[in-house]
Amino acid sequence: MVYKQFILIFISTTLTFSVAHAQVSDYPDHIQKLYSAINTKLADGKTGLYYETADIIKNENSHSWLWPLCAYIQAANEMEVINPGKTYMLPVEKAIDQYYSEKPPVPAYQDYVYKEKISSRFYDDNEWVAIAYLDAYNRNHKEKYLQVSQMIYRFILSGIDTTAGGGAYWKEGDLSTKNTCSNGPAILVALQLYKITRKKSFLDTAMALYKWTNAHLQAPCGIYWDNIKVGSLKVGKAFYTYNTGTMLQSNVLLYEVTNDKKYLVEAERIATAGKQYFFVNGRLPQNYWFNAVMLRGYMALYKITKNMDWITFFKKDADAIWQTERDANNLIGKKTSKSLIDQSAMIEIYARLYEL
């Protein structure tokens, strides 16, 4: 009887592993289908730019805002990680170049194509580009990626002041809010630059922003609120996965840089709170890209602790998306108009999960 029970348990475990392995093995196929769909439905071959959604007639602008390209450049980096020797970043990089603005006080990327109209510059948009470029620089040492990231760092500094105790604004010229989404990724940019250059000024910036964000925007449970209004100091208490993700990853990087275990302990606390709050009824919230950013933090923690609890719930959600939220053109998303940011986010998620 005991022998039969052992055989049944062995068969059940083997089947579970086989199914999970088969799904992970399918991720390169998922990625290729999404990549092909982007090139077919969302790329403008004449300009080298991209569309916001595949429903081109209904789009607000002729081409995409910068934000979806922030997602796509990171996705392209992850495709290069799992496909050494392939070139996926260059076309996206050339598109991003068309958003470059030399407006004083320092150059940066505006949120829309420069030659089509003059528009706003957001600190977080630029930070996401720098994060992707620094990830790529650590892999291929392309000098442009480091130079652009340092340019963006200077732009970040132009958006920091002592109002409300410190911190970075969200949008250039808009002094109304300071957001986790502009401070969390700024910390990551500064820490990555510190790891590359060992210039103390980068670490000093990261620590100042880290302390300010924790003091003003971290909820008692560990995850992070959205923003603080500068005048009233009223906190916008919405929770989004990407804010928890950047601050989780910041703690992991601080642990790596300082070897101080308090940052690892805090990372574990944030990760526990994030999973408990966001993973409900077997699914994550619907914004794929926010979840992709959160996965970065959990992956950074996993690489230190090797705790698969930080990964399996992302995999469960990613598999459900492919099975239930994909159309006949292999475009992902519950909305009728399939967006560039959603396709990019899922490429990143599948690539990161496959890397593991």
Protein backbone atom coordinates (compact mmCIF):
# COMPACT_ATOMS: atom_id res chain seq x y z
CA MET A 1 0.00 0.00 0.00
CA VAL A 2 2.80 2.39 0.94
CA TYR A 3 4.60 1.46 -2.27
CA LYS A 4 1.46 2.27 -4.35
CA GLN A 5 1.08 5.62 -2.61
CA PHE A 6 4.71 6.42 -3.36
CA ILE A 7 4.22 5.55 -7.04
CA LEU A 8 1.11 7.77 -7.24
CA ILE A 9 2.91 10.68 -5.60
CA PHE A 10 5.90 10.21 -7.92
CA ILE A 11 3.67 10.12 -11.02
CA SER A 12 1.72 13.19 -9.87
CA THR A 13 4.90 15.15 -9.15
CA THR A 14 6.46 14.12 -12.45
CA LEU A 15 3.38 15.15 -14.42
CA THR A 16 3.23 18.51 -12.64
CA PHE A 17 6.90 19.16 -13.38
CA SER A 18 6.47 18.08 -16.99
CA VAL A 19 3.53 20.42 -17.56
CA ALA A 20 5.37 23.35 -15.94
CA HIS A 21 8.51 22.61 -17.94
CA ALA A 22 6.52 22.36 -21.16
CA GLN A 23 4.94 25.75 -20.53
CA VAL A 24 8.30 27.39 -19.84
CA SER A 25 9.73 25.73 -22.94
CA ASP A 26 6.94 27.39 -24.91
CA TYR A 27 7.98 30.89 -23.81
CA PRO A 28 10.42 31.46 -26.72
CA ASP A 29 7.55 30.62 -29.06
CA HIS A 30 5.28 33.08 -27.21
CA ILE A 31 7.97 35.76 -27.48
CA GLN A 32 8.51 35.19 -31.19
CA LYS A 33 4.79 35.37 -31.90
CA LEU A 34 4.47 38.63 -29.96
CA TYR A 35 7.56 40.07 -31.62
CA SER A 36 6.22 39.18 -35.08
CA ALA A 37 2.84 40.69 -34.19
CA ILE A 38 4.51 43.96 -33.14
CA ASN A 39 6.42 44.13 -36.41
CA THR A 40 3.29 43.35 -38.40
CA LYS A 41 0.66 45.40 -36.57
CA LEU A 42 2.45 48.07 -34.53
CA ALA A 43 5.58 49.11 -36.47
CA ASP A 44 5.70 51.95 -39.00
CA GLY A 45 8.28 50.79 -41.49
CA LYS A 46 8.45 54.18 -43.23
CA THR A 47 9.57 56.17 -40.18
CA GLY A 48 11.11 53.56 -37.90
CA LEU A 49 8.53 54.56 -35.28
CA TYR A 50 5.73 52.56 -33.65
CA TYR A 51 2.00 52.93 -33.13
CA GLU A 52 0.29 53.21 -29.75
CA THR A 53 -2.21 50.47 -30.62
CA ALA A 54 -2.94 48.26 -33.61
CA ASP A 55 -6.16 50.24 -34.15
CA ILE A 56 -4.23 52.94 -36.01
CA ILE A 57 -7.22 55.01 -37.15
CA LYS A 58 -8.43 55.55 -33.58
CA ASN A 59 -5.05 56.36 -32.06
CA GLU A 60 -4.65 59.79 -30.47
CA ASN A 61 -1.42 60.52 -32.34
CA SER A 62 0.27 59.40 -35.54
CA HIS A 63 2.79 57.45 -33.47
CA SER A 64 3.28 56.09 -29.99
CA TRP A 65 3.97 58.05 -26.86
CA LEU A 66 7.41 57.36 -25.41
CA TRP A 67 6.06 55.27 -22.53
CA PRO A 68 5.31 52.14 -24.62
CA LEU A 69 8.81 52.37 -26.06
CA CYS A 70 10.16 52.36 -22.51
CA ALA A 71 8.55 48.95 -22.21
CA TYR A 72 9.65 47.78 -25.64
CA ILE A 73 13.33 48.70 -25.20
CA GLN A 74 13.42 46.65 -21.99
CA ALA A 75 11.67 43.77 -23.76
CA ALA A 76 14.21 43.99 -26.57
CA ASN A 77 17.02 43.79 -24.03
CA GLU A 78 15.50 40.68 -22.48
CA MET A 79 15.20 39.09 -25.92
CA GLU A 80 18.89 39.69 -26.44
CA VAL A 81 19.63 38.14 -23.03
CA ILE A 82 18.04 34.83 -23.99
CA ASN A 83 19.20 35.03 -27.63
CA PRO A 84 22.92 35.95 -27.48
CA GLY A 85 24.17 37.39 -30.74
CA LYS A 86 20.76 38.61 -31.88
CA THR A 87 20.01 42.32 -32.30
CA TYR A 88 16.60 43.43 -31.06
CA MET A 89 17.37 46.73 -29.31
CA LEU A 90 18.71 48.76 -32.23
CA PRO A 91 15.40 49.46 -34.05
CA VAL A 92 13.74 50.49 -30.78
CA GLU A 93 16.77 52.55 -29.83
CA LYS A 94 16.57 54.42 -33.16
CA ALA A 95 12.89 55.11 -32.54
CA ILE A 96 13.61 56.48 -29.06
CA ASP A 97 16.27 58.76 -30.55
CA GLN A 98 13.45 60.56 -32.37
CA TYR A 99 12.04 61.70 -29.01
CA TYR A 100 15.24 63.52 -28.02
CA SER A 101 14.90 67.16 -26.94
CA GLU A 102 17.68 69.64 -26.12
CA LYS A 103 15.37 71.96 -24.24
CA PRO A 104 17.11 73.65 -21.25
CA PRO A 105 18.14 73.10 -18.56
CA VAL A 106 19.42 69.70 -19.72
CA PRO A 107 18.68 67.36 -22.65
CA ALA A 108 16.26 64.48 -22.23
CA TYR A 109 13.56 62.59 -24.11
CA GLN A 110 10.16 64.21 -24.45
CA ASP A 111 7.04 62.09 -24.29
CA TYR A 112 6.30 62.30 -28.01
CA VAL A 113 8.20 62.34 -31.32
CA TYR A 114 10.14 65.62 -31.41
CA LYS A 115 9.72 66.40 -35.12
CA GLU A 116 5.95 65.89 -34.91
CA LYS A 117 5.29 68.20 -31.96
CA ILE A 118 6.86 69.79 -28.89
CA SER A 119 5.54 68.04 -25.80
CA SER A 120 6.24 67.33 -22.13
CA ARG A 121 9.19 65.57 -20.55
CA PHE A 122 8.57 63.10 -17.74
CA TYR A 123 11.24 62.00 -15.31
CA ASP A 124 9.94 58.44 -15.11
CA ASP A 125 9.80 57.97 -18.90
CA ASN A 126 13.48 58.86 -19.08
CA GLU A 127 14.34 56.69 -16.10
CA TRP A 128 12.79 53.58 -17.68
CA VAL A 129 14.94 54.14 -20.76
CA ALA A 130 18.06 54.50 -18.61
CA ILE A 131 17.26 51.32 -16.69
CA ALA A 132 17.01 49.33 -19.93
CA TYR A 133 20.18 50.93 -21.31
CA LEU A 134 22.14 50.21 -18.12
CA ASP A 135 20.96 46.60 -18.14
CA ALA A 136 22.20 46.37 -21.71
CA TYR A 137 25.47 48.16 -20.90
CA ASN A 138 26.24 45.63 -18.18
CA ARG A 139 25.86 42.95 -20.85
CA ASN A 140 27.48 44.45 -23.96
CA HIS A 141 29.34 47.62 -22.78
CA LYS A 142 27.95 49.76 -25.59
CA GLU A 143 29.25 53.21 -24.69
CA LYS A 144 26.15 55.04 -25.94
CA TYR A 145 24.01 53.30 -23.33
CA LEU A 146 26.19 54.59 -20.50
CA GLN A 147 26.39 58.11 -21.94
CA VAL A 148 22.63 58.38 -22.43
CA SER A 149 22.01 57.06 -18.93
CA GLN A 150 24.32 59.70 -17.48
CA MET A 151 22.45 62.33 -19.49
CA ILE A 152 19.19 61.07 -18.02
CA TYR A 153 20.72 61.11 -14.55
CA ARG A 154 21.46 64.82 -14.99
CA PHE A 155 17.84 65.31 -16.06
CA ILE A 156 16.72 63.52 -12.90
CA LEU A 157 18.84 65.85 -10.77
CA SER A 158 17.10 68.83 -12.39
CA GLY A 159 13.81 67.49 -11.02
CA ILE A 160 14.89 67.15 -7.38
CA ASP A 161 14.53 69.86 -4.76
CA THR A 162 13.94 70.24 -1.02
CA THR A 163 10.21 70.94 -1.29
CA ALA A 164 8.22 68.38 0.74
CA GLY A 165 11.51 67.27 2.23
CA GLY A 166 13.18 66.19 -1.01
CA GLY A 167 12.39 63.70 -3.75
CA ALA A 168 11.93 63.91 -7.50
CA TYR A 169 8.96 65.37 -9.31
CA TRP A 170 7.01 63.29 -11.84
CA LYS A 171 6.83 65.75 -14.74
CA GLU A 172 9.15 68.57 -15.71
CA GLY A 173 7.62 71.95 -14.89
CA ASP A 174 4.76 70.41 -12.90
CA LEU A 175 5.50 71.05 -9.23
CA SER A 176 2.28 69.53 -7.91
CA THR A 177 3.33 65.95 -7.07
CA LYS A 178 6.30 63.75 -6.28
CA ASN A 179 5.64 60.13 -7.13
CA THR A 180 6.98 56.71 -6.30
CA CYS A 181 7.09 56.05 -10.05
CA SER A 182 9.64 58.83 -10.51
CA ASN A 183 11.67 58.18 -7.35
CA GLY A 184 11.85 54.37 -7.38
CA PRO A 185 13.35 54.09 -10.86
CA ALA A 186 15.60 57.11 -10.17
CA ILE A 187 17.11 55.14 -7.28
CA LEU A 188 17.73 52.22 -9.63
CA VAL A 189 19.42 54.46 -12.22
CA ALA A 190 21.69 56.01 -9.58
CA LEU A 191 22.58 52.64 -8.04
CA GLN A 192 23.38 51.09 -11.41
CA LEU A 193 25.59 54.04 -12.30
CA TYR A 194 27.31 53.70 -8.94
CA LYS A 195 27.97 50.00 -9.53
CA ILE A 196 29.50 50.80 -12.92
CA THR A 197 31.54 53.90 -12.00
CA ARG A 198 31.94 53.69 -8.20
CA LYS A 199 31.38 57.44 -8.02
CA LYS A 200 30.04 58.20 -4.55
CA SER A 201 27.77 60.99 -5.81
CA PHE A 202 25.55 58.38 -7.49
CA LEU A 203 25.22 56.42 -4.25
CA ASP A 204 24.51 59.61 -2.31
CA THR A 205 21.65 60.46 -4.68
CA ALA A 206 20.24 56.94 -4.44
CA MET A 207 20.33 56.97 -0.64
CA ALA A 208 18.69 60.40 -0.39
CA LEU A 209 15.84 59.38 -2.70
CA TYR A 210 15.50 55.99 -0.97
CA LYS A 211 15.15 57.58 2.47
CA TRP A 212 12.70 60.20 1.21
CA THR A 213 10.50 57.66 -0.60
CA ASN A 214 10.35 55.37 2.43
CA ALA A 215 9.56 58.27 4.73
CA HIS A 216 6.76 59.72 2.59
CA LEU A 217 5.34 57.01 0.33
CA GLN A 218 5.72 53.61 1.97
CA ALA A 219 2.60 52.18 3.60
CA PRO A 220 3.03 50.48 7.01
CA CYS A 221 2.50 47.06 5.41
CA GLY A 222 5.58 47.55 3.22
CA ILE A 223 4.24 48.35 -0.26
CA TYR A 224 4.14 51.84 -1.72
CA TRP A 225 1.57 54.55 -2.28
CA ASP A 226 1.44 56.44 -5.57
CA ASN A 227 2.30 60.08 -4.82
CA ILE A 228 2.39 62.97 -2.42
CA LYS A 229 0.94 66.39 -3.25
CA VAL A 230 3.64 68.97 -2.69
CA GLY A 231 1.50 71.76 -1.27
CA SER A 232 -0.80 69.90 1.09
CA LEU A 233 1.44 66.83 1.66
CA LYS A 234 -1.66 64.74 1.07
CA VAL A 235 -0.76 61.23 -0.03
CA GLY A 236 -2.43 59.59 -3.02
CA LYS A 237 -2.87 56.12 -1.58
CA ALA A 238 -3.37 54.03 -4.70
CA PHE A 239 -1.22 50.91 -4.87
CA TYR A 240 0.37 49.87 -8.17
CA THR A 241 2.56 46.85 -8.74
CA TYR A 242 5.37 48.74 -10.44
CA ASN A 243 5.95 51.01 -7.46
CA THR A 244 6.42 48.04 -5.19
CA GLY A 245 8.66 46.50 -7.85
CA THR A 246 11.13 49.38 -8.12
CA MET A 247 11.48 49.78 -4.38
CA LEU A 248 11.87 46.02 -3.88
CA GLN A 249 14.63 46.00 -6.48
CA SER A 250 16.21 49.09 -4.88
CA ASN A 251 16.56 47.20 -1.60
CA VAL A 252 18.14 44.23 -3.33
CA LEU A 253 20.64 46.47 -5.12
CA LEU A 254 21.43 48.30 -1.88
CA TYR A 255 22.11 44.96 -0.24
CA GLU A 256 24.46 44.03 -3.09
CA VAL A 257 26.23 47.38 -2.92
CA THR A 258 26.55 47.69 0.87
CA ASN A 259 26.35 44.05 2.04
CA ASP A 260 24.07 45.33 4.81
CA LYS A 261 21.50 42.64 5.55
CA LYS A 262 18.89 45.17 6.68
CA TYR A 263 18.18 45.84 2.99
CA LEU A 264 17.68 42.15 2.29
CA VAL A 265 15.35 41.85 5.27
CA GLU A 266 13.37 44.83 3.99
CA ALA A 267 13.27 43.34 0.49
CA GLU A 268 11.75 40.15 1.91
CA ARG A 269 9.17 42.19 3.83
CA ILE A 270 8.18 44.16 0.73
CA ALA A 271 8.02 40.99 -1.38
CA THR A 272 5.79 39.24 1.15
CA ALA A 273 3.45 42.22 1.37
CA GLY A 274 3.39 42.68 -2.41
CA LYS A 275 2.46 39.10 -3.16
CA GLN A 276 -0.21 39.11 -0.45
CA TYR A 277 -1.80 42.34 -1.69
CA PHE A 278 -1.55 41.99 -5.46
CA PHE A 279 -1.90 38.25 -6.17
CA VAL A 280 -5.62 37.63 -5.65
CA ASN A 281 -7.59 34.58 -6.80
CA GLY A 282 -4.63 33.32 -8.76
CA ARG A 283 -4.14 36.49 -10.81
CA LEU A 284 -2.23 39.78 -10.75
CA PRO A 285 -3.81 43.14 -11.66
CA GLN A 286 -4.50 43.77 -15.34
CA ASN A 287 -1.70 46.21 -16.16
CA TYR A 288 0.87 43.86 -17.69
CA TRP A 289 3.70 46.37 -17.80
CA PHE A 290 3.32 47.37 -14.15
CA ASN A 291 3.58 43.67 -13.37
CA ALA A 292 6.66 43.30 -15.57
CA VAL A 293 8.38 46.00 -13.53
CA MET A 294 7.36 44.26 -10.32
CA LEU A 295 8.78 40.97 -11.65
CA ARG A 296 12.18 42.68 -11.99
CA GLY A 297 12.24 43.24 -8.24
CA TYR A 298 11.15 39.72 -7.39
CA MET A 299 13.69 38.24 -9.81
CA ALA A 300 16.46 40.28 -8.23
CA LEU A 301 15.43 38.91 -4.83
CA TYR A 302 15.11 35.36 -6.15
CA LYS A 303 18.66 35.42 -7.51
CA ILE A 304 19.87 35.93 -3.94
CA THR A 305 17.46 33.79 -1.92
CA LYS A 306 16.57 31.11 -4.53
CA ASN A 307 13.03 31.14 -3.12
CA MET A 308 10.73 30.04 -5.96
CA ASP A 309 7.74 31.48 -4.08
CA TRP A 310 8.79 34.82 -5.54
CA ILE A 311 8.49 33.50 -9.09
CA THR A 312 5.73 30.90 -9.36
CA PHE A 313 2.83 33.34 -8.99
CA PHE A 314 4.15 35.44 -11.88
CA LYS A 315 4.36 32.30 -13.99
CA LYS A 316 0.80 31.32 -13.12
CA ASP A 317 -0.48 34.74 -14.20
CA ALA A 318 1.64 34.79 -17.39
CA ASP A 319 0.38 31.36 -18.46
CA ALA A 320 -3.24 32.40 -17.86
CA ILE A 321 -2.75 35.52 -19.98
CA TRP A 322 -1.45 33.51 -22.93
CA GLN A 323 -4.26 30.99 -22.65
CA THR A 324 -7.17 33.40 -22.17
CA GLU A 325 -6.22 36.94 -23.29
CA ARG A 326 -4.72 36.44 -26.77
CA ASP A 327 -6.44 37.07 -30.10
CA ALA A 328 -6.10 35.39 -33.51
CA ASN A 329 -3.21 37.73 -34.41
CA ASN A 330 -1.26 36.65 -31.30
CA LEU A 331 -1.80 40.06 -29.75
CA ILE A 332 -2.32 40.16 -25.99
CA GLY A 333 -4.83 42.21 -24.04
CA LYS A 334 -8.44 42.32 -22.88
CA LYS A 335 -9.18 45.57 -24.71
CA THR A 336 -10.28 45.53 -28.34
CA SER A 337 -7.38 47.80 -29.33
CA LYS A 338 -4.18 45.85 -28.69
CA SER A 339 -1.39 48.09 -27.41
CA LEU A 340 2.35 48.19 -27.90
CA ILE A 341 2.95 48.45 -24.17
CA ASP A 342 1.01 45.26 -23.43
CA GLN A 343 2.87 43.23 -26.07
CA SER A 344 6.20 44.58 -24.84
CA ALA A 345 5.38 43.81 -21.22
CA MET A 346 4.53 40.21 -21.94
CA ILE A 347 7.68 39.71 -24.02
CA GLU A 348 9.67 40.91 -21.02
CA ILE A 349 7.78 38.68 -18.61
CA TYR A 350 8.10 35.54 -20.75
CA ALA A 351 11.78 36.24 -21.42
CA ARG A 352 12.59 36.78 -17.75
CA LEU A 353 10.72 33.64 -16.70
CA TYR A 354 12.44 31.64 -19.41
CA GLU A 355 15.84 32.96 -18.30
CA LEU A 356 15.27 31.32 -14.92
